[in-house]
Amino acid sequence: MSLIFDEITNRMDSMSKGHKAIASYILDNYDKAAYMTASKLGEATGVSESTVVRFTMELGFDGYPHFQNTLKEELKSKLTSVQRLDATERFADDATAIRDIMQADIDNLKATLNEVSTESFEDAVKTILGAKKIYLMGLRSSSPLSSFMHFYMTLLFDDVIHIHSNSANEVFEQILPISKDDVMIGISFPRYSTRTVNSMAYAKDKGAKVIVITDKDNTALTENADIKLFARSSMASFVDSLAAPLSLINALLVTLGMHRKDHIKSSFEALENLWSKYSVYEGDRVKKEEDNNE
């Protein structure tokens, strides 16, 4: 169990009757309690709102919002997909859902910007620029992030390996050649992928530099990281909010591009000629048809 649940369990015997009622409800219905106001939690347990607030403060929190945010954070790694789906019950209607979810994305972006370590960001840029080969990995819900990053990294660098298989054996086959001259970039958010965690450990053992993009420190994923880049990711029901991680990756790509400007300029010039020749984009196809009709 996580720290917050351990704390509640350890204190149960010394709690008052009202606090025991709150504690029992949270332990049995943590997936619902995380999204209840102090007033609603009080109604569900037969105590007053002020009793709920005092309960959280006696656990060492600044107040109910602090407790609730901590509970939500811990549940990201604990809840099953079905329990996450049940979280949608907190939305009164469609309009509430879009407003609350997009506001949560905005809050995640603001928090990430305020908390990002520029020193770690700069270290990541230098490490990637100095690597002989770049290995990039993000599985399951993080797969779109790694695919997006890989698309642009191949324009910036000549040797980028995208680890994207769902087979554990194939994953290790792809990272087998990694060496001390290389860098491994791992992307994972709750619930953390075991294959990604194990791959970071393998890369570390081989002497490669390990960069992780994730939501917080002191997890199995960050244990083997040389450089840690954090971005907030909230749980929007069964869907993870990846707006802030994507924004962080955008910033990393643009900054790398600033250092590789001459390289990508020649790459883009060659690509534009190919794209035009083979009508990769709609505008090129229309222009070619117009030229043929003249």
C-alpha atoms as a PDB file:
ATOM      1  CA  MET A   1       0.000   0.000   0.000  1.00  0.00           C
ATOM      2  CA  SER A   2       1.065   3.586  -0.434  1.00  0.00           C
ATOM      3  CA  LEU A   3       2.204   5.917   2.321  1.00  0.00           C
ATOM      4  CA  ILE A   4      -1.126   7.678   2.840  1.00  0.00           C
ATOM      5  CA  PHE A   5      -2.979   4.385   3.315  1.00  0.00           C
ATOM      6  CA  ASP A   6      -0.281   3.052   5.631  1.00  0.00           C
ATOM      7  CA  GLU A   7      -0.560   6.205   7.721  1.00  0.00           C
ATOM      8  CA  ILE A   8      -4.337   5.862   8.029  1.00  0.00           C
ATOM      9  CA  THR A   9      -4.104   2.160   8.885  1.00  0.00           C
ATOM     10  CA  ASN A  10      -1.406   2.704  11.523  1.00  0.00           C
ATOM     11  CA  ARG A  11      -3.442   5.390  13.285  1.00  0.00           C
ATOM     12  CA  MET A  12      -6.843   3.687  13.155  1.00  0.00           C
ATOM     13  CA  ASP A  13      -6.748   2.254  16.690  1.00  0.00           C
ATOM     14  CA  SER A  14      -6.122   5.650  18.287  1.00  0.00           C
ATOM     15  CA  MET A  15      -8.730   7.540  16.268  1.00  0.00           C
ATOM     16  CA  SER A  16     -12.014   8.897  17.552  1.00  0.00           C
ATOM     17  CA  LYS A  17     -15.271   7.297  16.396  1.00  0.00           C
ATOM     18  CA  GLY A  18     -15.850   9.974  13.764  1.00  0.00           C
ATOM     19  CA  HIS A  19     -12.314   9.802  12.433  1.00  0.00           C
ATOM     20  CA  LYS A  20     -12.496   6.008  12.261  1.00  0.00           C
ATOM     21  CA  ALA A  21     -15.618   6.306  10.127  1.00  0.00           C
ATOM     22  CA  ILE A  22     -13.775   8.608   7.713  1.00  0.00           C
ATOM     23  CA  ALA A  23     -10.695   6.383   7.675  1.00  0.00           C
ATOM     24  CA  SER A  24     -12.704   3.233   6.984  1.00  0.00           C
ATOM     25  CA  TYR A  25     -14.611   4.898   4.154  1.00  0.00           C
ATOM     26  CA  ILE A  26     -11.395   6.129   2.503  1.00  0.00           C
ATOM     27  CA  LEU A  27      -9.720   2.719   2.754  1.00  0.00           C
ATOM     28  CA  ASP A  28     -12.774   0.975   1.274  1.00  0.00           C
ATOM     29  CA  ASN A  29     -13.713   3.639  -1.290  1.00  0.00           C
ATOM     30  CA  TYR A  30     -10.456   5.470  -2.054  1.00  0.00           C
ATOM     31  CA  ASP A  31     -11.302   5.760  -5.755  1.00  0.00           C
ATOM     32  CA  LYS A  32     -14.481   7.705  -4.897  1.00  0.00           C
ATOM     33  CA  ALA A  33     -13.151   9.589  -1.857  1.00  0.00           C
ATOM     34  CA  ALA A  34     -10.363  11.201  -3.900  1.00  0.00           C
ATOM     35  CA  TYR A  35     -12.953  13.206  -5.848  1.00  0.00           C
ATOM     36  CA  MET A  36     -15.365  14.063  -3.035  1.00  0.00           C
ATOM     37  CA  THR A  37     -15.479  17.457  -1.373  1.00  0.00           C
ATOM     38  CA  ALA A  38     -14.977  17.577   2.386  1.00  0.00           C
ATOM     39  CA  SER A  39     -18.702  18.196   2.714  1.00  0.00           C
ATOM     40  CA  LYS A  40     -19.637  15.159   0.579  1.00  0.00           C
ATOM     41  CA  LEU A  41     -17.172  12.946   2.425  1.00  0.00           C
ATOM     42  CA  GLY A  42     -18.724  14.117   5.684  1.00  0.00           C
ATOM     43  CA  GLU A  43     -22.205  13.233   4.431  1.00  0.00           C
ATOM     44  CA  ALA A  44     -21.043   9.785   3.334  1.00  0.00           C
ATOM     45  CA  THR A  45     -19.507   9.028   6.734  1.00  0.00           C
ATOM     46  CA  GLY A  46     -22.052  10.735   8.984  1.00  0.00           C
ATOM     47  CA  VAL A  47     -19.745  13.460  10.309  1.00  0.00           C
ATOM     48  CA  SER A  48     -19.447  17.207   9.809  1.00  0.00           C
ATOM     49  CA  GLU A  49     -17.298  18.895   7.182  1.00  0.00           C
ATOM     50  CA  SER A  50     -15.120  20.390   9.942  1.00  0.00           C
ATOM     51  CA  THR A  51     -14.483  16.881  11.311  1.00  0.00           C
ATOM     52  CA  VAL A  52     -13.230  15.781   7.884  1.00  0.00           C
ATOM     53  CA  VAL A  53     -10.868  18.762   7.746  1.00  0.00           C
ATOM     54  CA  ARG A  54      -9.545  18.025  11.258  1.00  0.00           C
ATOM     55  CA  PHE A  55      -9.052  14.374  10.273  1.00  0.00           C
ATOM     56  CA  THR A  56      -6.764  15.350   7.387  1.00  0.00           C
ATOM     57  CA  MET A  57      -4.823  17.834   9.511  1.00  0.00           C
ATOM     58  CA  GLU A  58      -4.211  15.208  12.200  1.00  0.00           C
ATOM     59  CA  LEU A  59      -2.681  13.043   9.483  1.00  0.00           C
ATOM     60  CA  GLY A  60      -0.153  15.830   8.887  1.00  0.00           C
ATOM     61  CA  PHE A  61      -1.720  17.624   5.934  1.00  0.00           C
ATOM     62  CA  ASP A  62      -2.215  21.385   5.656  1.00  0.00           C
ATOM     63  CA  GLY A  63      -5.913  20.864   5.096  1.00  0.00           C
ATOM     64  CA  TYR A  64      -8.398  18.901   3.020  1.00  0.00           C
ATOM     65  CA  PRO A  65      -7.203  20.149  -0.424  1.00  0.00           C
ATOM     66  CA  HIS A  66      -3.635  19.071   0.419  1.00  0.00           C
ATOM     67  CA  PHE A  67      -4.864  15.639   1.521  1.00  0.00           C
ATOM     68  CA  GLN A  68      -7.099  15.248  -1.536  1.00  0.00           C
ATOM     69  CA  ASN A  69      -4.328  16.177  -4.007  1.00  0.00           C
ATOM     70  CA  THR A  70      -1.945  13.727  -2.329  1.00  0.00           C
ATOM     71  CA  LEU A  71      -4.563  10.973  -2.482  1.00  0.00           C
ATOM     72  CA  LYS A  72      -5.180  11.629  -6.174  1.00  0.00           C
ATOM     73  CA  GLU A  73      -1.446  11.511  -6.852  1.00  0.00           C
ATOM     74  CA  GLU A  74      -1.033   8.155  -5.132  1.00  0.00           C
ATOM     75  CA  LEU A  75      -4.088   6.685  -6.844  1.00  0.00           C
ATOM     76  CA  LYS A  76      -2.557   7.219 -10.291  1.00  0.00           C
ATOM     77  CA  SER A  77      -0.381   4.164  -9.719  1.00  0.00           C
ATOM     78  CA  LYS A  78      -2.979   2.222  -7.707  1.00  0.00           C
ATOM     79  CA  LEU A  79      -6.253   2.334  -9.614  1.00  0.00           C
ATOM     80  CA  THR A  80      -7.226  -0.202 -12.249  1.00  0.00           C
ATOM     81  CA  SER A  81      -8.627   0.937 -15.602  1.00  0.00           C
ATOM     82  CA  VAL A  82     -12.145   0.050 -14.457  1.00  0.00           C
ATOM     83  CA  GLN A  83     -11.774   2.146 -11.295  1.00  0.00           C
ATOM     84  CA  ARG A  84     -10.416   5.005 -13.370  1.00  0.00           C
ATOM     85  CA  LEU A  85     -13.456   4.781 -15.632  1.00  0.00           C
ATOM     86  CA  ASP A  86     -15.711   5.080 -12.596  1.00  0.00           C
ATOM     87  CA  ALA A  87     -14.068   8.433 -11.856  1.00  0.00           C
ATOM     88  CA  THR A  88     -16.096   9.963 -14.691  1.00  0.00           C
ATOM     89  CA  GLU A  89     -19.081   9.914 -12.336  1.00  0.00           C
ATOM     90  CA  ARG A  90     -17.767  13.165 -10.850  1.00  0.00           C
ATOM     91  CA  PHE A  91     -18.675  15.016 -14.056  1.00  0.00           C
ATOM     92  CA  ALA A  92     -22.241  16.290 -13.951  1.00  0.00           C
ATOM     93  CA  ASP A  93     -22.563  16.508 -17.753  1.00  0.00           C
ATOM     94  CA  ASP A  94     -20.589  16.817 -21.009  1.00  0.00           C
ATOM     95  CA  ALA A  95     -20.028  20.534 -20.578  1.00  0.00           C
ATOM     96  CA  THR A  96     -18.579  19.986 -17.109  1.00  0.00           C
ATOM     97  CA  ALA A  97     -16.271  17.268 -18.417  1.00  0.00           C
ATOM     98  CA  ILE A  98     -14.674  19.392 -21.137  1.00  0.00           C
ATOM     99  CA  ARG A  99     -14.299  22.395 -18.834  1.00  0.00           C
ATOM    100  CA  ASP A 100     -12.801  20.440 -15.922  1.00  0.00           C
ATOM    101  CA  ILE A 101     -10.477  18.287 -18.010  1.00  0.00           C
ATOM    102  CA  MET A 102      -9.084  21.184 -20.050  1.00  0.00           C
ATOM    103  CA  GLN A 103      -8.665  23.251 -16.885  1.00  0.00           C
ATOM    104  CA  ALA A 104      -6.716  20.353 -15.374  1.00  0.00           C
ATOM    105  CA  ASP A 105      -4.427  20.375 -18.431  1.00  0.00           C
ATOM    106  CA  ILE A 106      -3.855  24.113 -17.990  1.00  0.00           C
ATOM    107  CA  ASP A 107      -3.060  23.587 -14.303  1.00  0.00           C
ATOM    108  CA  ASN A 108      -0.613  20.801 -15.177  1.00  0.00           C
ATOM    109  CA  LEU A 109       1.162  23.021 -17.693  1.00  0.00           C
ATOM    110  CA  LYS A 110       1.463  25.874 -15.197  1.00  0.00           C
ATOM    111  CA  ALA A 111       2.744  23.573 -12.451  1.00  0.00           C
ATOM    112  CA  THR A 112       5.282  21.974 -14.802  1.00  0.00           C
ATOM    113  CA  LEU A 113       6.581  25.364 -15.910  1.00  0.00           C
ATOM    114  CA  ASN A 114       6.935  26.537 -12.319  1.00  0.00           C
ATOM    115  CA  GLU A 115       8.639  23.352 -11.134  1.00  0.00           C
ATOM    116  CA  VAL A 116      10.874  22.430 -14.084  1.00  0.00           C
ATOM    117  CA  SER A 117      14.596  22.321 -13.328  1.00  0.00           C
ATOM    118  CA  THR A 118      16.417  24.376 -15.953  1.00  0.00           C
ATOM    119  CA  GLU A 119      19.678  22.786 -14.806  1.00  0.00           C
ATOM    120  CA  SER A 120      18.354  19.278 -15.490  1.00  0.00           C
ATOM    121  CA  PHE A 121      16.882  20.460 -18.796  1.00  0.00           C
ATOM    122  CA  GLU A 122      20.235  21.893 -19.898  1.00  0.00           C
ATOM    123  CA  ASP A 123      22.031  18.711 -18.786  1.00  0.00           C
ATOM    124  CA  ALA A 124      19.606  16.655 -20.874  1.00  0.00           C
ATOM    125  CA  VAL A 125      20.286  18.806 -23.944  1.00  0.00           C
ATOM    126  CA  LYS A 126      24.084  18.506 -23.536  1.00  0.00           C
ATOM    127  CA  THR A 127      23.893  14.763 -22.928  1.00  0.00           C
ATOM    128  CA  ILE A 128      21.761  14.125 -26.006  1.00  0.00           C
ATOM    129  CA  LEU A 129      23.963  16.328 -28.195  1.00  0.00           C
ATOM    130  CA  GLY A 130      27.065  14.456 -27.042  1.00  0.00           C
ATOM    131  CA  ALA A 131      25.674  10.931 -27.482  1.00  0.00           C
ATOM    132  CA  LYS A 132      26.896   8.613 -30.221  1.00  0.00           C
ATOM    133  CA  LYS A 133      23.536   6.867 -30.474  1.00  0.00           C
ATOM    134  CA  ILE A 134      20.156   7.836 -28.991  1.00  0.00           C
ATOM    135  CA  TYR A 135      17.738   5.201 -27.710  1.00  0.00           C
ATOM    136  CA  LEU A 136      14.175   6.373 -27.133  1.00  0.00           C
ATOM    137  CA  MET A 137      11.504   4.408 -25.306  1.00  0.00           C
ATOM    138  CA  GLY A 138       7.898   4.935 -24.234  1.00  0.00           C
ATOM    139  CA  LEU A 139       5.383   2.118 -24.049  1.00  0.00           C
ATOM    140  CA  ARG A 140       1.625   1.779 -23.563  1.00  0.00           C
ATOM    141  CA  SER A 141       0.019   5.192 -22.844  1.00  0.00           C
ATOM    142  CA  SER A 142       3.444   6.849 -23.258  1.00  0.00           C
ATOM    143  CA  SER A 143       3.858   5.372 -26.741  1.00  0.00           C
ATOM    144  CA  PRO A 144       2.364   8.434 -28.533  1.00  0.00           C
ATOM    145  CA  LEU A 145       4.870  10.646 -26.711  1.00  0.00           C
ATOM    146  CA  SER A 146       7.849   8.548 -27.760  1.00  0.00           C
ATOM    147  CA  SER A 147       6.548   8.283 -31.353  1.00  0.00           C
ATOM    148  CA  PHE A 148       6.132  12.056 -31.562  1.00  0.00           C
ATOM    149  CA  MET A 149       9.601  12.611 -30.137  1.00  0.00           C
ATOM    150  CA  HIS A 150      11.144   9.999 -32.437  1.00  0.00           C
ATOM    151  CA  PHE A 151       9.636  11.608 -35.546  1.00  0.00           C
ATOM    152  CA  TYR A 152      11.464  14.877 -34.887  1.00  0.00           C
ATOM    153  CA  MET A 153      14.603  13.359 -33.360  1.00  0.00           C
ATOM    154  CA  THR A 154      15.297  11.550 -36.647  1.00  0.00           C
ATOM    155  CA  LEU A 155      15.393  14.960 -38.339  1.00  0.00           C
ATOM    156  CA  LEU A 156      17.884  16.210 -35.772  1.00  0.00           C
ATOM    157  CA  PHE A 157      20.183  13.197 -35.468  1.00  0.00           C
ATOM    158  CA  ASP A 158      21.446  10.415 -37.706  1.00  0.00           C
ATOM    159  CA  ASP A 159      21.290   7.518 -35.264  1.00  0.00           C
ATOM    160  CA  VAL A 160      18.061   7.320 -33.253  1.00  0.00           C
ATOM    161  CA  ILE A 161      16.631   3.974 -32.146  1.00  0.00           C
ATOM    162  CA  HIS A 162      12.947   3.878 -31.220  1.00  0.00           C
ATOM    163  CA  ILE A 163      12.124   1.047 -28.808  1.00  0.00           C
ATOM    164  CA  HIS A 164       8.435   0.436 -29.324  1.00  0.00           C
ATOM    165  CA  SER A 165       7.751  -3.290 -29.160  1.00  0.00           C
ATOM    166  CA  ASN A 166       5.262  -4.725 -26.654  1.00  0.00           C
ATOM    167  CA  SER A 167       7.301  -7.925 -26.420  1.00  0.00           C
ATOM    168  CA  ALA A 168       9.794  -7.988 -23.531  1.00  0.00           C
ATOM    169  CA  ASN A 169      12.186 -10.155 -25.545  1.00  0.00           C
ATOM    170  CA  GLU A 170      12.108  -7.848 -28.558  1.00  0.00           C
ATOM    171  CA  VAL A 171      12.672  -4.806 -26.331  1.00  0.00           C
ATOM    172  CA  PHE A 172      15.912  -6.227 -24.977  1.00  0.00           C
ATOM    173  CA  GLU A 173      17.004  -7.344 -28.431  1.00  0.00           C
ATOM    174  CA  GLN A 174      16.736  -3.722 -29.580  1.00  0.00           C
ATOM    175  CA  ILE A 175      18.676  -2.237 -26.675  1.00  0.00           C
ATOM    176  CA  LEU A 176      21.290  -5.027 -26.504  1.00  0.00           C
ATOM    177  CA  PRO A 177      24.030  -3.002 -28.308  1.00  0.00           C
ATOM    178  CA  ILE A 178      23.713   0.091 -26.058  1.00  0.00           C
ATOM    179  CA  SER A 179      27.061   1.322 -24.730  1.00  0.00           C
ATOM    180  CA  LYS A 180      28.661   3.975 -22.528  1.00  0.00           C
ATOM    181  CA  ASP A 181      28.771   6.371 -25.490  1.00  0.00           C
ATOM    182  CA  ASP A 182      24.993   6.278 -25.913  1.00  0.00           C
ATOM    183  CA  VAL A 183      21.986   7.799 -24.178  1.00  0.00           C
ATOM    184  CA  MET A 184      18.701   6.143 -23.260  1.00  0.00           C
ATOM    185  CA  ILE A 185      15.599   8.356 -22.977  1.00  0.00           C
ATOM    186  CA  GLY A 186      12.736   6.676 -21.152  1.00  0.00           C
ATOM    187  CA  ILE A 187       9.212   8.091 -20.983  1.00  0.00           C
ATOM    188  CA  SER A 188       6.652   6.651 -18.589  1.00  0.00           C
ATOM    189  CA  PHE A 189       3.765   7.863 -16.451  1.00  0.00           C
ATOM    190  CA  PRO A 190       1.497   6.027 -13.989  1.00  0.00           C
ATOM    191  CA  ARG A 191       0.945   3.201 -14.148  1.00  0.00           C
ATOM    192  CA  TYR A 192       4.676   2.854 -14.944  1.00  0.00           C
ATOM    193  CA  SER A 193       5.645   0.283 -17.563  1.00  0.00           C
ATOM    194  CA  THR A 194       7.737  -2.569 -16.127  1.00  0.00           C
ATOM    195  CA  ARG A 195       9.513  -3.006 -19.466  1.00  0.00           C
ATOM    196  CA  THR A 196      10.542   0.643 -19.474  1.00  0.00           C
ATOM    197  CA  VAL A 197      11.766   0.434 -15.876  1.00  0.00           C
ATOM    198  CA  ASN A 198      13.810  -2.688 -16.641  1.00  0.00           C
ATOM    199  CA  SER A 199      15.226  -1.148 -19.810  1.00  0.00           C
ATOM    200  CA  MET A 200      16.449   1.904 -17.892  1.00  0.00           C
ATOM    201  CA  ALA A 201      18.188  -0.421 -15.420  1.00  0.00           C
ATOM    202  CA  TYR A 202      19.808  -2.372 -18.269  1.00  0.00           C
ATOM    203  CA  ALA A 203      21.028   0.816 -19.970  1.00  0.00           C
ATOM    204  CA  LYS A 204      22.498   2.029 -16.685  1.00  0.00           C
ATOM    205  CA  ASP A 205      24.320  -1.280 -16.189  1.00  0.00           C
ATOM    206  CA  LYS A 206      25.832  -0.934 -19.673  1.00  0.00           C
ATOM    207  CA  GLY A 207      27.217   2.490 -18.775  1.00  0.00           C
ATOM    208  CA  ALA A 208      24.874   4.555 -20.954  1.00  0.00           C
ATOM    209  CA  LYS A 209      23.496   7.877 -19.769  1.00  0.00           C
ATOM    210  CA  VAL A 210      19.862   7.564 -18.744  1.00  0.00           C
ATOM    211  CA  ILE A 211      17.328  10.386 -19.081  1.00  0.00           C
ATOM    212  CA  VAL A 212      13.779   9.895 -17.847  1.00  0.00           C
ATOM    213  CA  ILE A 213      10.697  11.976 -18.581  1.00  0.00           C
ATOM    214  CA  THR A 214       8.092  11.229 -15.930  1.00  0.00           C
ATOM    215  CA  ASP A 215       5.809  12.793 -13.338  1.00  0.00           C
ATOM    216  CA  LYS A 216       7.743  12.545 -10.060  1.00  0.00           C
ATOM    217  CA  ASP A 217      10.907  11.399  -8.308  1.00  0.00           C
ATOM    218  CA  ASN A 218      11.559   8.413  -6.057  1.00  0.00           C
ATOM    219  CA  THR A 219       9.929   5.781  -8.254  1.00  0.00           C
ATOM    220  CA  ALA A 220      11.286   2.609  -9.838  1.00  0.00           C
ATOM    221  CA  LEU A 221      11.655   4.547 -13.094  1.00  0.00           C
ATOM    222  CA  THR A 222      13.874   7.294 -11.641  1.00  0.00           C
ATOM    223  CA  GLU A 223      16.038   4.893  -9.632  1.00  0.00           C
ATOM    224  CA  ASN A 224      18.521   4.448 -12.497  1.00  0.00           C
ATOM    225  CA  ALA A 225      18.232   7.918 -14.027  1.00  0.00           C
ATOM    226  CA  ASP A 226      21.190  10.260 -14.454  1.00  0.00           C
ATOM    227  CA  ILE A 227      18.891  13.112 -15.491  1.00  0.00           C
ATOM    228  CA  LYS A 228      15.240  13.507 -14.502  1.00  0.00           C
ATOM    229  CA  LEU A 229      12.728  15.745 -16.289  1.00  0.00           C
ATOM    230  CA  PHE A 230       9.374  16.043 -14.565  1.00  0.00           C
ATOM    231  CA  ALA A 231       6.010  17.009 -16.037  1.00  0.00           C
ATOM    232  CA  ARG A 232       2.654  16.923 -14.277  1.00  0.00           C
ATOM    233  CA  SER A 233       0.199  14.286 -15.442  1.00  0.00           C
ATOM    234  CA  SER A 234      -3.231  14.121 -13.850  1.00  0.00           C
ATOM    235  CA  MET A 235      -5.667  11.238 -14.117  1.00  0.00           C
ATOM    236  CA  ALA A 236      -8.595  12.183 -16.327  1.00  0.00           C
ATOM    237  CA  SER A 237     -10.607   9.018 -15.774  1.00  0.00           C
ATOM    238  CA  PHE A 238      -9.163   6.078 -17.782  1.00  0.00           C
ATOM    239  CA  VAL A 239      -7.243   8.599 -19.908  1.00  0.00           C
ATOM    240  CA  ASP A 240      -3.975  10.095 -18.664  1.00  0.00           C
ATOM    241  CA  SER A 241      -3.431  13.812 -19.177  1.00  0.00           C
ATOM    242  CA  LEU A 242      -0.260  14.117 -21.268  1.00  0.00           C
ATOM    243  CA  ALA A 243      -0.517  17.788 -22.229  1.00  0.00           C
ATOM    244  CA  ALA A 244       2.331  18.896 -19.947  1.00  0.00           C
ATOM    245  CA  PRO A 245       4.686  16.013 -20.890  1.00  0.00           C
ATOM    246  CA  LEU A 246       4.122  16.781 -24.578  1.00  0.00           C
ATOM    247  CA  SER A 247       4.865  20.460 -23.966  1.00  0.00           C
ATOM    248  CA  LEU A 248       8.101  19.533 -22.166  1.00  0.00           C
ATOM    249  CA  ILE A 249       9.097  17.306 -25.092  1.00  0.00           C
ATOM    250  CA  ASN A 250       8.308  20.158 -27.500  1.00  0.00           C
ATOM    251  CA  ALA A 251      10.639  22.435 -25.537  1.00  0.00           C
ATOM    252  CA  LEU A 252      13.374  19.790 -25.562  1.00  0.00           C
ATOM    253  CA  LEU A 253      13.073  19.241 -29.327  1.00  0.00           C
ATOM    254  CA  VAL A 254      13.120  22.955 -30.124  1.00  0.00           C
ATOM    255  CA  THR A 255      16.156  23.512 -27.903  1.00  0.00           C
ATOM    256  CA  LEU A 256      18.001  20.607 -29.506  1.00  0.00           C
ATOM    257  CA  GLY A 257      17.083  22.072 -32.887  1.00  0.00           C
ATOM    258  CA  MET A 258      18.671  25.382 -31.903  1.00  0.00           C
ATOM    259  CA  HIS A 259      21.967  23.532 -31.478  1.00  0.00           C
ATOM    260  CA  ARG A 260      21.536  21.495 -34.662  1.00  0.00           C
ATOM    261  CA  LYS A 261      20.272  24.252 -36.918  1.00  0.00           C
ATOM    262  CA  ASP A 262      22.705  23.674 -39.803  1.00  0.00           C
ATOM    263  CA  HIS A 263      22.040  19.929 -39.773  1.00  0.00           C
ATOM    264  CA  ILE A 264      18.261  20.179 -39.830  1.00  0.00           C
ATOM    265  CA  LYS A 265      18.308  22.958 -42.427  1.00  0.00           C
ATOM    266  CA  SER A 266      20.002  20.676 -44.948  1.00  0.00           C
ATOM    267  CA  SER A 267      17.732  17.799 -43.906  1.00  0.00           C
ATOM    268  CA  PHE A 268      14.592  19.869 -44.399  1.00  0.00           C
ATOM    269  CA  GLU A 269      15.751  21.116 -47.791  1.00  0.00           C
ATOM    270  CA  ALA A 270      16.273  17.541 -48.974  1.00  0.00           C
ATOM    271  CA  LEU A 271      12.983  16.407 -47.452  1.00  0.00           C
ATOM    272  CA  GLU A 272      10.998  19.263 -48.991  1.00  0.00           C
ATOM    273  CA  ASN A 273      12.241  18.210 -52.426  1.00  0.00           C
ATOM    274  CA  LEU A 274      11.208  14.610 -51.769  1.00  0.00           C
ATOM    275  CA  TRP A 275       7.848  15.589 -50.313  1.00  0.00           C
ATOM    276  CA  SER A 276       7.130  17.777 -53.321  1.00  0.00           C
ATOM    277  CA  LYS A 277       8.251  15.135 -55.813  1.00  0.00           C
ATOM    278  CA  TYR A 278       6.057  12.421 -54.332  1.00  0.00           C
ATOM    279  CA  SER A 279       3.136  14.679 -53.276  1.00  0.00           C
ATOM    280  CA  VAL A 280       3.397  13.820 -49.615  1.00  0.00           C
ATOM    281  CA  TYR A 281       1.211  16.764 -48.665  1.00  0.00           C
ATOM    282  CA  GLU A 282      -2.099  17.824 -50.178  1.00  0.00           C
ATOM    283  CA  GLY A 283      -0.815  21.181 -51.379  1.00  0.00           C
ATOM    284  CA  ASP A 284       1.954  19.481 -53.363  1.00  0.00           C
ATOM    285  CA  ARG A 285      -0.573  17.185 -55.077  1.00  0.00           C
ATOM    286  CA  VAL A 286      -2.820  20.069 -56.086  1.00  0.00           C
ATOM    287  CA  LYS A 287       0.145  22.077 -57.401  1.00  0.00           C
ATOM    288  CA  LYS A 288       1.374  19.110 -59.442  1.00  0.00           C
ATOM    289  CA  GLU A 289      -2.075  18.641 -60.986  1.00  0.00           C
ATOM    290  CA  GLU A 290      -2.262  22.324 -61.877  1.00  0.00           C
ATOM    291  CA  ASP A 291       1.199  22.173 -63.452  1.00  0.00           C
ATOM    292  CA  ASN A 292       0.184  19.132 -65.498  1.00  0.00           C
ATOM    293  CA  ASN A 293      -2.944  20.895 -66.741  1.00  0.00           C
ATOM    294  CA  GLU A 294      -1.052  23.929 -68.013  1.00  0.00           C
END
